[in-house]
């Protein structure tokens, strides 16, 4: 095992920070050998099987091309759910877990009719259904491939969420029921912000789920707000994950739409990343 650790460190040195490489080492051994951290300590002097080394070697080659390790493994953990992920869906982030937690705290375990707009892997809708089993949860996405992934994650976790394909920018073309809660993590990264982003995101994660134009960066927020005005129940709740640089612009937009009790929440890193309001 020690020789394999040295191999990983040598191959990834200068590409990733040392702390990130250490994290990769733990994940790679757990994935390839089935060893948790305690087992890795106990097996430090053990030679790993050739087949497991080959899996690690192939994964390291992909890491050198900046491919996200979640895509290499084909899975990730979100809110204690095991989820399949692939380049058709965004990799769920910790701040999205914070958004789910805020929703759960706000509605206090009450059963609700919930809509997740732009569901991707299904992470938000599935986490809400798991923690609010009495609620009806629906989710939409424009991408057929994303919906296939979300549906497979629902089966994997034995959760009953209704998924269907729809373009929220054309929401007036569909028939909708009334919802108690609407949540969305829509595309919000402006094209001008690409230069700030890491190559693993730019090369591998789906652009359609990430980027908006510089000229109209709140296009999805505006259309979802208009949709929510028509399809949220009285006192219904709207939650967004947001671009940290556009929080005040979004609050002004929601005020103009007539929403009340508009609140902005910062994530664990102190960035403004979530907004809540009521109809």
C-alpha atoms as a PDB file:
ATOM      1  CA  UNK A   1       0.000   0.000   0.000  1.00  0.00           C
ATOM      2  CA  UNK A   2       2.838   2.397   0.798  1.00  0.00           C
ATOM      3  CA  UNK A   3       4.264   2.041  -2.698  1.00  0.00           C
ATOM      4  CA  UNK A   4       0.868   2.807  -4.215  1.00  0.00           C
ATOM      5  CA  UNK A   5       0.523   5.894  -2.019  1.00  0.00           C
ATOM      6  CA  UNK A   6       3.883   7.143  -3.227  1.00  0.00           C
ATOM      7  CA  UNK A   7       2.835   6.469  -6.805  1.00  0.00           C
ATOM      8  CA  UNK A   8      -0.353   8.529  -6.391  1.00  0.00           C
ATOM      9  CA  UNK A   9       1.527  11.400  -4.745  1.00  0.00           C
ATOM     10  CA  UNK A  10       4.187  11.452  -7.466  1.00  0.00           C
ATOM     11  CA  UNK A  11       1.678  11.392 -10.324  1.00  0.00           C
ATOM     12  CA  UNK A  12      -0.554  14.127  -8.905  1.00  0.00           C
ATOM     13  CA  UNK A  13       2.129  16.395  -7.446  1.00  0.00           C
ATOM     14  CA  UNK A  14       1.969  19.892  -8.859  1.00  0.00           C
ATOM     15  CA  UNK A  15      -1.507  19.298 -10.277  1.00  0.00           C
ATOM     16  CA  UNK A  16      -3.487  19.314  -7.020  1.00  0.00           C
ATOM     17  CA  UNK A  17      -2.719  20.710  -3.542  1.00  0.00           C
ATOM     18  CA  UNK A  18      -1.197  18.214  -1.086  1.00  0.00           C
ATOM     19  CA  UNK A  19      -4.300  18.203   1.107  1.00  0.00           C
ATOM     20  CA  UNK A  20      -6.494  17.342  -1.872  1.00  0.00           C
ATOM     21  CA  UNK A  21      -4.131  14.542  -2.897  1.00  0.00           C
ATOM     22  CA  UNK A  22      -4.394  13.080   0.603  1.00  0.00           C
ATOM     23  CA  UNK A  23      -8.168  13.111   0.221  1.00  0.00           C
ATOM     24  CA  UNK A  24      -7.905  11.364  -3.142  1.00  0.00           C
ATOM     25  CA  UNK A  25      -5.707   8.677  -1.584  1.00  0.00           C
ATOM     26  CA  UNK A  26      -8.322   7.823   1.028  1.00  0.00           C
ATOM     27  CA  UNK A  27     -11.115   7.778  -1.527  1.00  0.00           C
ATOM     28  CA  UNK A  28      -9.181   5.711  -4.055  1.00  0.00           C
ATOM     29  CA  UNK A  29      -8.306   2.973  -1.571  1.00  0.00           C
ATOM     30  CA  UNK A  30     -11.837   2.863  -0.224  1.00  0.00           C
ATOM     31  CA  UNK A  31     -13.235   2.587  -3.764  1.00  0.00           C
ATOM     32  CA  UNK A  32     -10.685   0.170  -5.212  1.00  0.00           C
ATOM     33  CA  UNK A  33     -10.035  -2.032  -2.170  1.00  0.00           C
ATOM     34  CA  UNK A  34     -13.141  -1.538  -0.052  1.00  0.00           C
ATOM     35  CA  UNK A  35     -11.075  -0.261   2.888  1.00  0.00           C
ATOM     36  CA  UNK A  36     -12.389   2.529   5.088  1.00  0.00           C
ATOM     37  CA  UNK A  37      -9.919   4.859   6.787  1.00  0.00           C
ATOM     38  CA  UNK A  38      -9.357   2.525   9.752  1.00  0.00           C
ATOM     39  CA  UNK A  39      -8.680  -0.405   7.441  1.00  0.00           C
ATOM     40  CA  UNK A  40      -6.260   1.718   5.443  1.00  0.00           C
ATOM     41  CA  UNK A  41      -4.240   2.402   8.593  1.00  0.00           C
ATOM     42  CA  UNK A  42      -4.203  -1.296   9.495  1.00  0.00           C
ATOM     43  CA  UNK A  43      -3.206  -2.327   5.951  1.00  0.00           C
ATOM     44  CA  UNK A  44      -0.505   0.313   5.514  1.00  0.00           C
ATOM     45  CA  UNK A  45       2.229  -2.309   5.039  1.00  0.00           C
ATOM     46  CA  UNK A  46       0.113  -4.668   2.965  1.00  0.00           C
ATOM     47  CA  UNK A  47       0.644  -5.091  -0.764  1.00  0.00           C
ATOM     48  CA  UNK A  48      -2.583  -4.480  -2.652  1.00  0.00           C
ATOM     49  CA  UNK A  49      -3.844  -6.841  -5.327  1.00  0.00           C
ATOM     50  CA  UNK A  50      -2.788  -6.177  -8.919  1.00  0.00           C
ATOM     51  CA  UNK A  51      -6.382  -5.687 -10.078  1.00  0.00           C
ATOM     52  CA  UNK A  52      -6.951  -3.039  -7.419  1.00  0.00           C
ATOM     53  CA  UNK A  53      -3.733  -1.260  -8.321  1.00  0.00           C
ATOM     54  CA  UNK A  54      -4.826  -1.207 -11.960  1.00  0.00           C
ATOM     55  CA  UNK A  55      -8.109   0.465 -10.932  1.00  0.00           C
ATOM     56  CA  UNK A  56      -6.197   3.077  -8.954  1.00  0.00           C
ATOM     57  CA  UNK A  57      -3.711   3.642 -11.793  1.00  0.00           C
ATOM     58  CA  UNK A  58      -6.496   4.169 -14.323  1.00  0.00           C
ATOM     59  CA  UNK A  59      -8.243   6.579 -11.958  1.00  0.00           C
ATOM     60  CA  UNK A  60      -5.066   8.564 -11.364  1.00  0.00           C
ATOM     61  CA  UNK A  61      -4.657   8.956 -15.136  1.00  0.00           C
ATOM     62  CA  UNK A  62      -8.153  10.446 -15.298  1.00  0.00           C
ATOM     63  CA  UNK A  63      -7.470  12.709 -12.317  1.00  0.00           C
ATOM     64  CA  UNK A  64      -4.436  14.056 -14.171  1.00  0.00           C
ATOM     65  CA  UNK A  65      -6.866  15.209 -16.871  1.00  0.00           C
ATOM     66  CA  UNK A  66      -8.863  17.024 -14.150  1.00  0.00           C
ATOM     67  CA  UNK A  67     -11.823  14.661 -14.374  1.00  0.00           C
ATOM     68  CA  UNK A  68     -13.859  14.927 -11.145  1.00  0.00           C
ATOM     69  CA  UNK A  69     -13.364  11.931  -8.912  1.00  0.00           C
ATOM     70  CA  UNK A  70     -17.149  11.608  -8.511  1.00  0.00           C
ATOM     71  CA  UNK A  71     -17.468  10.986 -12.254  1.00  0.00           C
ATOM     72  CA  UNK A  72     -14.594   8.494 -12.129  1.00  0.00           C
ATOM     73  CA  UNK A  73     -16.368   6.549  -9.392  1.00  0.00           C
ATOM     74  CA  UNK A  74     -19.785   7.178 -10.951  1.00  0.00           C
ATOM     75  CA  UNK A  75     -21.286   8.045  -7.572  1.00  0.00           C
ATOM     76  CA  UNK A  76     -21.284  10.447  -4.659  1.00  0.00           C
ATOM     77  CA  UNK A  77     -22.956  10.966  -1.282  1.00  0.00           C
ATOM     78  CA  UNK A  78     -25.493  13.752  -0.736  1.00  0.00           C
ATOM     79  CA  UNK A  79     -27.475  14.184   2.479  1.00  0.00           C
ATOM     80  CA  UNK A  80     -26.672  10.538   3.377  1.00  0.00           C
ATOM     81  CA  UNK A  81     -27.994   9.337   0.018  1.00  0.00           C
ATOM     82  CA  UNK A  82     -25.856   7.370  -2.394  1.00  0.00           C
ATOM     83  CA  UNK A  83     -26.326   8.944  -5.822  1.00  0.00           C
ATOM     84  CA  UNK A  84     -25.155   8.023  -9.295  1.00  0.00           C
ATOM     85  CA  UNK A  85     -23.509  10.914 -11.139  1.00  0.00           C
ATOM     86  CA  UNK A  86     -22.163  11.353 -14.655  1.00  0.00           C
ATOM     87  CA  UNK A  87     -21.341  14.257 -17.014  1.00  0.00           C
ATOM     88  CA  UNK A  88     -25.061  14.735 -17.765  1.00  0.00           C
ATOM     89  CA  UNK A  89     -25.590  16.109 -14.233  1.00  0.00           C
ATOM     90  CA  UNK A  90     -23.831  18.508 -11.904  1.00  0.00           C
ATOM     91  CA  UNK A  91     -21.969  17.020  -8.980  1.00  0.00           C
ATOM     92  CA  UNK A  92     -23.975  17.939  -5.841  1.00  0.00           C
ATOM     93  CA  UNK A  93     -22.211  20.521  -3.674  1.00  0.00           C
ATOM     94  CA  UNK A  94     -22.148  21.018   0.116  1.00  0.00           C
ATOM     95  CA  UNK A  95     -23.962  24.353  -0.231  1.00  0.00           C
ATOM     96  CA  UNK A  96     -26.864  22.515  -1.842  1.00  0.00           C
ATOM     97  CA  UNK A  97     -27.005  20.298   1.241  1.00  0.00           C
ATOM     98  CA  UNK A  98     -27.257  23.511   3.266  1.00  0.00           C
ATOM     99  CA  UNK A  99     -30.176  24.600   1.065  1.00  0.00           C
ATOM    100  CA  UNK A 100     -31.992  21.316   1.702  1.00  0.00           C
ATOM    101  CA  UNK A 101     -31.389  21.673   5.411  1.00  0.00           C
ATOM    102  CA  UNK A 102     -32.817  25.216   5.344  1.00  0.00           C
ATOM    103  CA  UNK A 103     -35.965  23.946   3.630  1.00  0.00           C
ATOM    104  CA  UNK A 104     -36.394  21.195   6.215  1.00  0.00           C
ATOM    105  CA  UNK A 105     -35.926  23.651   9.073  1.00  0.00           C
ATOM    106  CA  UNK A 106     -38.362  26.144   7.548  1.00  0.00           C
ATOM    107  CA  UNK A 107     -41.248  23.802   6.884  1.00  0.00           C
ATOM    108  CA  UNK A 108     -40.651  21.952  10.168  1.00  0.00           C
ATOM    109  CA  UNK A 109     -41.432  18.459   8.939  1.00  0.00           C
ATOM    110  CA  UNK A 110     -44.888  19.326   7.623  1.00  0.00           C
ATOM    111  CA  UNK A 111     -46.165  17.341   4.659  1.00  0.00           C
ATOM    112  CA  UNK A 112     -46.146  19.503   1.537  1.00  0.00           C
ATOM    113  CA  UNK A 113     -46.461  19.394  -2.229  1.00  0.00           C
ATOM    114  CA  UNK A 114     -42.929  20.215  -3.413  1.00  0.00           C
ATOM    115  CA  UNK A 115     -41.501  20.998  -6.854  1.00  0.00           C
ATOM    116  CA  UNK A 116     -37.769  20.885  -7.624  1.00  0.00           C
ATOM    117  CA  UNK A 117     -36.959  22.824 -10.819  1.00  0.00           C
ATOM    118  CA  UNK A 118     -33.806  21.745 -12.676  1.00  0.00           C
ATOM    119  CA  UNK A 119     -33.351  18.587 -10.651  1.00  0.00           C
ATOM    120  CA  UNK A 120     -30.206  17.200 -12.337  1.00  0.00           C
ATOM    121  CA  UNK A 121     -29.170  14.114 -10.368  1.00  0.00           C
ATOM    122  CA  UNK A 122     -32.335  14.436  -8.276  1.00  0.00           C
ATOM    123  CA  UNK A 123     -30.300  15.270  -5.185  1.00  0.00           C
ATOM    124  CA  UNK A 124     -32.609  17.969  -3.785  1.00  0.00           C
ATOM    125  CA  UNK A 125     -35.918  16.246  -4.489  1.00  0.00           C
ATOM    126  CA  UNK A 126     -34.709  12.872  -3.206  1.00  0.00           C
ATOM    127  CA  UNK A 127     -33.241  14.339  -0.020  1.00  0.00           C
ATOM    128  CA  UNK A 128     -36.502  16.162   0.655  1.00  0.00           C
ATOM    129  CA  UNK A 129     -38.576  13.035   0.024  1.00  0.00           C
ATOM    130  CA  UNK A 130     -36.381  10.967   2.322  1.00  0.00           C
ATOM    131  CA  UNK A 131     -36.723  13.469   5.149  1.00  0.00           C
ATOM    132  CA  UNK A 132     -40.370  14.358   4.447  1.00  0.00           C
ATOM    133  CA  UNK A 133     -41.847  10.965   3.575  1.00  0.00           C
ATOM    134  CA  UNK A 134     -45.409  12.267   3.856  1.00  0.00           C
ATOM    135  CA  UNK A 135     -44.819  14.925   1.211  1.00  0.00           C
ATOM    136  CA  UNK A 136     -45.537  14.716  -2.504  1.00  0.00           C
ATOM    137  CA  UNK A 137     -42.358  15.587  -4.353  1.00  0.00           C
ATOM    138  CA  UNK A 138     -42.093  16.309  -8.067  1.00  0.00           C
ATOM    139  CA  UNK A 139     -39.069  17.355 -10.100  1.00  0.00           C
ATOM    140  CA  UNK A 140     -38.427  18.606 -13.612  1.00  0.00           C
ATOM    141  CA  UNK A 141     -35.443  19.061 -15.888  1.00  0.00           C
ATOM    142  CA  UNK A 142     -34.951  20.001 -19.522  1.00  0.00           C
ATOM    143  CA  UNK A 143     -32.363  17.246 -20.014  1.00  0.00           C
ATOM    144  CA  UNK A 144     -33.568  13.733 -20.799  1.00  0.00           C
ATOM    145  CA  UNK A 145     -30.196  12.287 -19.762  1.00  0.00           C
ATOM    146  CA  UNK A 146     -30.339  14.091 -16.422  1.00  0.00           C
ATOM    147  CA  UNK A 147     -33.830  12.716 -15.804  1.00  0.00           C
ATOM    148  CA  UNK A 148     -32.624   9.172 -16.523  1.00  0.00           C
ATOM    149  CA  UNK A 149     -29.974   9.654 -13.846  1.00  0.00           C
ATOM    150  CA  UNK A 150     -32.473  11.125 -11.372  1.00  0.00           C
ATOM    151  CA  UNK A 151     -34.918   8.263 -11.918  1.00  0.00           C
ATOM    152  CA  UNK A 152     -32.166   5.689 -11.394  1.00  0.00           C
ATOM    153  CA  UNK A 153     -31.232   7.450  -8.150  1.00  0.00           C
ATOM    154  CA  UNK A 154     -34.841   7.291  -6.995  1.00  0.00           C
ATOM    155  CA  UNK A 155     -34.846   3.533  -7.618  1.00  0.00           C
ATOM    156  CA  UNK A 156     -31.463   3.147  -5.947  1.00  0.00           C
ATOM    157  CA  UNK A 157     -32.745   4.828  -2.787  1.00  0.00           C
ATOM    158  CA  UNK A 158     -36.306   3.462  -2.949  1.00  0.00           C
ATOM    159  CA  UNK A 159     -37.862   6.931  -2.961  1.00  0.00           C
ATOM    160  CA  UNK A 160     -41.094   7.896  -4.707  1.00  0.00           C
ATOM    161  CA  UNK A 161     -40.485  11.147  -6.595  1.00  0.00           C
ATOM    162  CA  UNK A 162     -42.294  12.052  -9.806  1.00  0.00           C
ATOM    163  CA  UNK A 163     -39.901  13.204 -12.531  1.00  0.00           C
ATOM    164  CA  UNK A 164     -40.830  14.690 -15.873  1.00  0.00           C
ATOM    165  CA  UNK A 165     -39.234  16.669 -18.677  1.00  0.00           C
ATOM    166  CA  UNK A 166     -40.063  20.356 -18.991  1.00  0.00           C
ATOM    167  CA  UNK A 167     -38.392  23.640 -19.915  1.00  0.00           C
ATOM    168  CA  UNK A 168     -39.149  26.111 -17.133  1.00  0.00           C
ATOM    169  CA  UNK A 169     -38.528  29.014 -19.535  1.00  0.00           C
ATOM    170  CA  UNK A 170     -41.623  27.760 -21.397  1.00  0.00           C
ATOM    171  CA  UNK A 171     -43.698  26.988 -18.307  1.00  0.00           C
ATOM    172  CA  UNK A 172     -46.819  28.598 -19.729  1.00  0.00           C
ATOM    173  CA  UNK A 173     -47.047  25.785 -22.292  1.00  0.00           C
ATOM    174  CA  UNK A 174     -47.713  23.153 -19.600  1.00  0.00           C
ATOM    175  CA  UNK A 175     -50.483  22.405 -17.127  1.00  0.00           C
ATOM    176  CA  UNK A 176     -49.389  22.630 -13.495  1.00  0.00           C
ATOM    177  CA  UNK A 177     -50.938  21.858 -10.113  1.00  0.00           C
ATOM    178  CA  UNK A 178     -50.488  24.080  -7.063  1.00  0.00           C
ATOM    179  CA  UNK A 179     -47.398  23.650  -4.889  1.00  0.00           C
ATOM    180  CA  UNK A 180     -46.612  24.476  -1.268  1.00  0.00           C
ATOM    181  CA  UNK A 181     -42.862  24.662  -1.827  1.00  0.00           C
ATOM    182  CA  UNK A 182     -40.830  25.385  -4.955  1.00  0.00           C
ATOM    183  CA  UNK A 183     -37.050  25.006  -4.921  1.00  0.00           C
ATOM    184  CA  UNK A 184     -34.489  25.522  -7.650  1.00  0.00           C
ATOM    185  CA  UNK A 185     -30.752  25.484  -8.159  1.00  0.00           C
ATOM    186  CA  UNK A 186     -30.831  26.873 -11.692  1.00  0.00           C
ATOM    187  CA  UNK A 187     -27.961  27.902 -13.984  1.00  0.00           C
ATOM    188  CA  UNK A 188     -26.471  31.091 -12.539  1.00  0.00           C
ATOM    189  CA  UNK A 189     -22.776  31.355 -13.458  1.00  0.00           C
ATOM    190  CA  UNK A 190     -22.179  34.282 -15.794  1.00  0.00           C
ATOM    191  CA  UNK A 191     -19.942  33.740 -18.807  1.00  0.00           C
ATOM    192  CA  UNK A 192     -17.561  36.362 -17.408  1.00  0.00           C
ATOM    193  CA  UNK A 193     -16.984  34.160 -14.355  1.00  0.00           C
ATOM    194  CA  UNK A 194     -15.601  31.227 -16.356  1.00  0.00           C
ATOM    195  CA  UNK A 195     -12.041  32.449 -15.812  1.00  0.00           C
ATOM    196  CA  UNK A 196     -12.506  31.962 -12.047  1.00  0.00           C
ATOM    197  CA  UNK A 197     -13.571  28.326 -12.376  1.00  0.00           C
ATOM    198  CA  UNK A 198     -11.518  25.164 -12.004  1.00  0.00           C
ATOM    199  CA  UNK A 199     -10.704  23.045 -15.092  1.00  0.00           C
ATOM    200  CA  UNK A 200     -12.489  19.987 -13.638  1.00  0.00           C
ATOM    201  CA  UNK A 201     -15.751  21.959 -13.770  1.00  0.00           C
ATOM    202  CA  UNK A 202     -15.185  23.601 -17.138  1.00  0.00           C
ATOM    203  CA  UNK A 203     -14.057  20.429 -18.916  1.00  0.00           C
ATOM    204  CA  UNK A 204     -16.527  17.913 -17.525  1.00  0.00           C
ATOM    205  CA  UNK A 205     -19.677  19.317 -15.914  1.00  0.00           C
ATOM    206  CA  UNK A 206     -22.683  20.154 -18.141  1.00  0.00           C
ATOM    207  CA  UNK A 207     -22.636  23.737 -19.414  1.00  0.00           C
ATOM    208  CA  UNK A 208     -26.422  23.805 -19.748  1.00  0.00           C
ATOM    209  CA  UNK A 209     -26.715  23.424 -15.964  1.00  0.00           C
ATOM    210  CA  UNK A 210     -24.093  26.046 -15.158  1.00  0.00           C
ATOM    211  CA  UNK A 211     -23.955  29.095 -17.370  1.00  0.00           C
ATOM    212  CA  UNK A 212     -26.127  32.078 -18.227  1.00  0.00           C
ATOM    213  CA  UNK A 213     -25.427  35.152 -20.328  1.00  0.00           C
ATOM    214  CA  UNK A 214     -23.764  38.220 -18.865  1.00  0.00           C
ATOM    215  CA  UNK A 215     -26.647  40.358 -20.125  1.00  0.00           C
ATOM    216  CA  UNK A 216     -29.487  38.439 -18.451  1.00  0.00           C
ATOM    217  CA  UNK A 217     -28.021  36.382 -15.591  1.00  0.00           C
ATOM    218  CA  UNK A 218     -31.301  36.199 -13.651  1.00  0.00           C
ATOM    219  CA  UNK A 219     -33.355  34.802 -16.523  1.00  0.00           C
ATOM    220  CA  UNK A 220     -34.178  31.553 -14.704  1.00  0.00           C
ATOM    221  CA  UNK A 221     -34.889  33.302 -11.404  1.00  0.00           C
ATOM    222  CA  UNK A 222     -37.263  35.702 -13.114  1.00  0.00           C
ATOM    223  CA  UNK A 223     -39.208  32.992 -14.939  1.00  0.00           C
ATOM    224  CA  UNK A 224     -39.377  30.795 -11.835  1.00  0.00           C
ATOM    225  CA  UNK A 225     -40.638  33.776  -9.821  1.00  0.00           C
ATOM    226  CA  UNK A 226     -43.342  34.405 -12.421  1.00  0.00           C
ATOM    227  CA  UNK A 227     -44.225  30.716 -12.353  1.00  0.00           C
ATOM    228  CA  UNK A 228     -44.325  30.713  -8.553  1.00  0.00           C
ATOM    229  CA  UNK A 229     -46.697  33.695  -8.480  1.00  0.00           C
ATOM    230  CA  UNK A 230     -49.165  31.576 -10.434  1.00  0.00           C
ATOM    231  CA  UNK A 231     -48.556  28.151  -8.942  1.00  0.00           C
ATOM    232  CA  UNK A 232     -47.546  28.576  -5.303  1.00  0.00           C
ATOM    233  CA  UNK A 233     -50.285  28.203  -2.727  1.00  0.00           C
ATOM    234  CA  UNK A 234     -51.053  31.172  -0.499  1.00  0.00           C
ATOM    235  CA  UNK A 235     -48.126  31.568   1.919  1.00  0.00           C
ATOM    236  CA  UNK A 236     -46.242  29.064  -0.260  1.00  0.00           C
ATOM    237  CA  UNK A 237     -42.475  29.096  -0.033  1.00  0.00           C
ATOM    238  CA  UNK A 238     -39.847  29.623  -2.741  1.00  0.00           C
ATOM    239  CA  UNK A 239     -36.201  28.666  -2.250  1.00  0.00           C
ATOM    240  CA  UNK A 240     -33.253  29.337  -4.551  1.00  0.00           C
ATOM    241  CA  UNK A 241     -29.586  28.526  -4.625  1.00  0.00           C
ATOM    242  CA  UNK A 242     -27.938  31.671  -5.968  1.00  0.00           C
ATOM    243  CA  UNK A 243     -24.850  33.302  -7.418  1.00  0.00           C
ATOM    244  CA  UNK A 244     -23.113  34.954  -4.477  1.00  0.00           C
ATOM    245  CA  UNK A 245     -22.573  38.143  -6.526  1.00  0.00           C
ATOM    246  CA  UNK A 246     -26.229  38.583  -7.517  1.00  0.00           C
ATOM    247  CA  UNK A 247     -28.055  38.239  -4.200  1.00  0.00           C
ATOM    248  CA  UNK A 248     -29.158  41.864  -3.909  1.00  0.00           C
ATOM    249  CA  UNK A 249     -30.292  41.953  -7.532  1.00  0.00           C
ATOM    250  CA  UNK A 250     -32.379  38.855  -6.885  1.00  0.00           C
ATOM    251  CA  UNK A 251     -33.921  40.322  -3.735  1.00  0.00           C
ATOM    252  CA  UNK A 252     -34.957  43.400  -5.734  1.00  0.00           C
ATOM    253  CA  UNK A 253     -36.444  41.157  -8.435  1.00  0.00           C
ATOM    254  CA  UNK A 254     -38.484  39.217  -5.887  1.00  0.00           C
ATOM    255  CA  UNK A 255     -39.672  42.426  -4.258  1.00  0.00           C
ATOM    256  CA  UNK A 256     -40.885  43.662  -7.638  1.00  0.00           C
ATOM    257  CA  UNK A 257     -42.796  40.408  -8.091  1.00  0.00           C
ATOM    258  CA  UNK A 258     -44.554  41.044  -4.782  1.00  0.00           C
ATOM    259  CA  UNK A 259     -42.985  38.267  -2.703  1.00  0.00           C
ATOM    260  CA  UNK A 260     -42.684  38.835   1.030  1.00  0.00           C
ATOM    261  CA  UNK A 261     -40.424  37.772   3.897  1.00  0.00           C
ATOM    262  CA  UNK A 262     -37.404  37.726   1.574  1.00  0.00           C
ATOM    263  CA  UNK A 263     -34.374  36.283   3.352  1.00  0.00           C
ATOM    264  CA  UNK A 264     -30.816  35.691   2.187  1.00  0.00           C
ATOM    265  CA  UNK A 265     -28.652  33.034   3.829  1.00  0.00           C
ATOM    266  CA  UNK A 266     -24.888  32.587   3.782  1.00  0.00           C
ATOM    267  CA  UNK A 267     -23.232  29.213   3.451  1.00  0.00           C
ATOM    268  CA  UNK A 268     -20.595  27.740   5.748  1.00  0.00           C
ATOM    269  CA  UNK A 269     -17.935  29.744   3.878  1.00  0.00           C
ATOM    270  CA  UNK A 270     -19.725  33.036   4.491  1.00  0.00           C
ATOM    271  CA  UNK A 271     -20.948  33.438   0.912  1.00  0.00           C
ATOM    272  CA  UNK A 272     -24.504  34.549   0.100  1.00  0.00           C
ATOM    273  CA  UNK A 273     -25.746  31.386  -1.577  1.00  0.00           C
ATOM    274  CA  UNK A 274     -29.462  30.934  -0.738  1.00  0.00           C
ATOM    275  CA  UNK A 275     -32.637  32.990  -0.861  1.00  0.00           C
ATOM    276  CA  UNK A 276     -36.089  32.312   0.572  1.00  0.00           C
ATOM    277  CA  UNK A 277     -39.364  34.154   0.108  1.00  0.00           C
ATOM    278  CA  UNK A 278     -43.115  33.650   0.447  1.00  0.00           C
ATOM    279  CA  UNK A 279     -46.040  34.305  -1.830  1.00  0.00           C
END
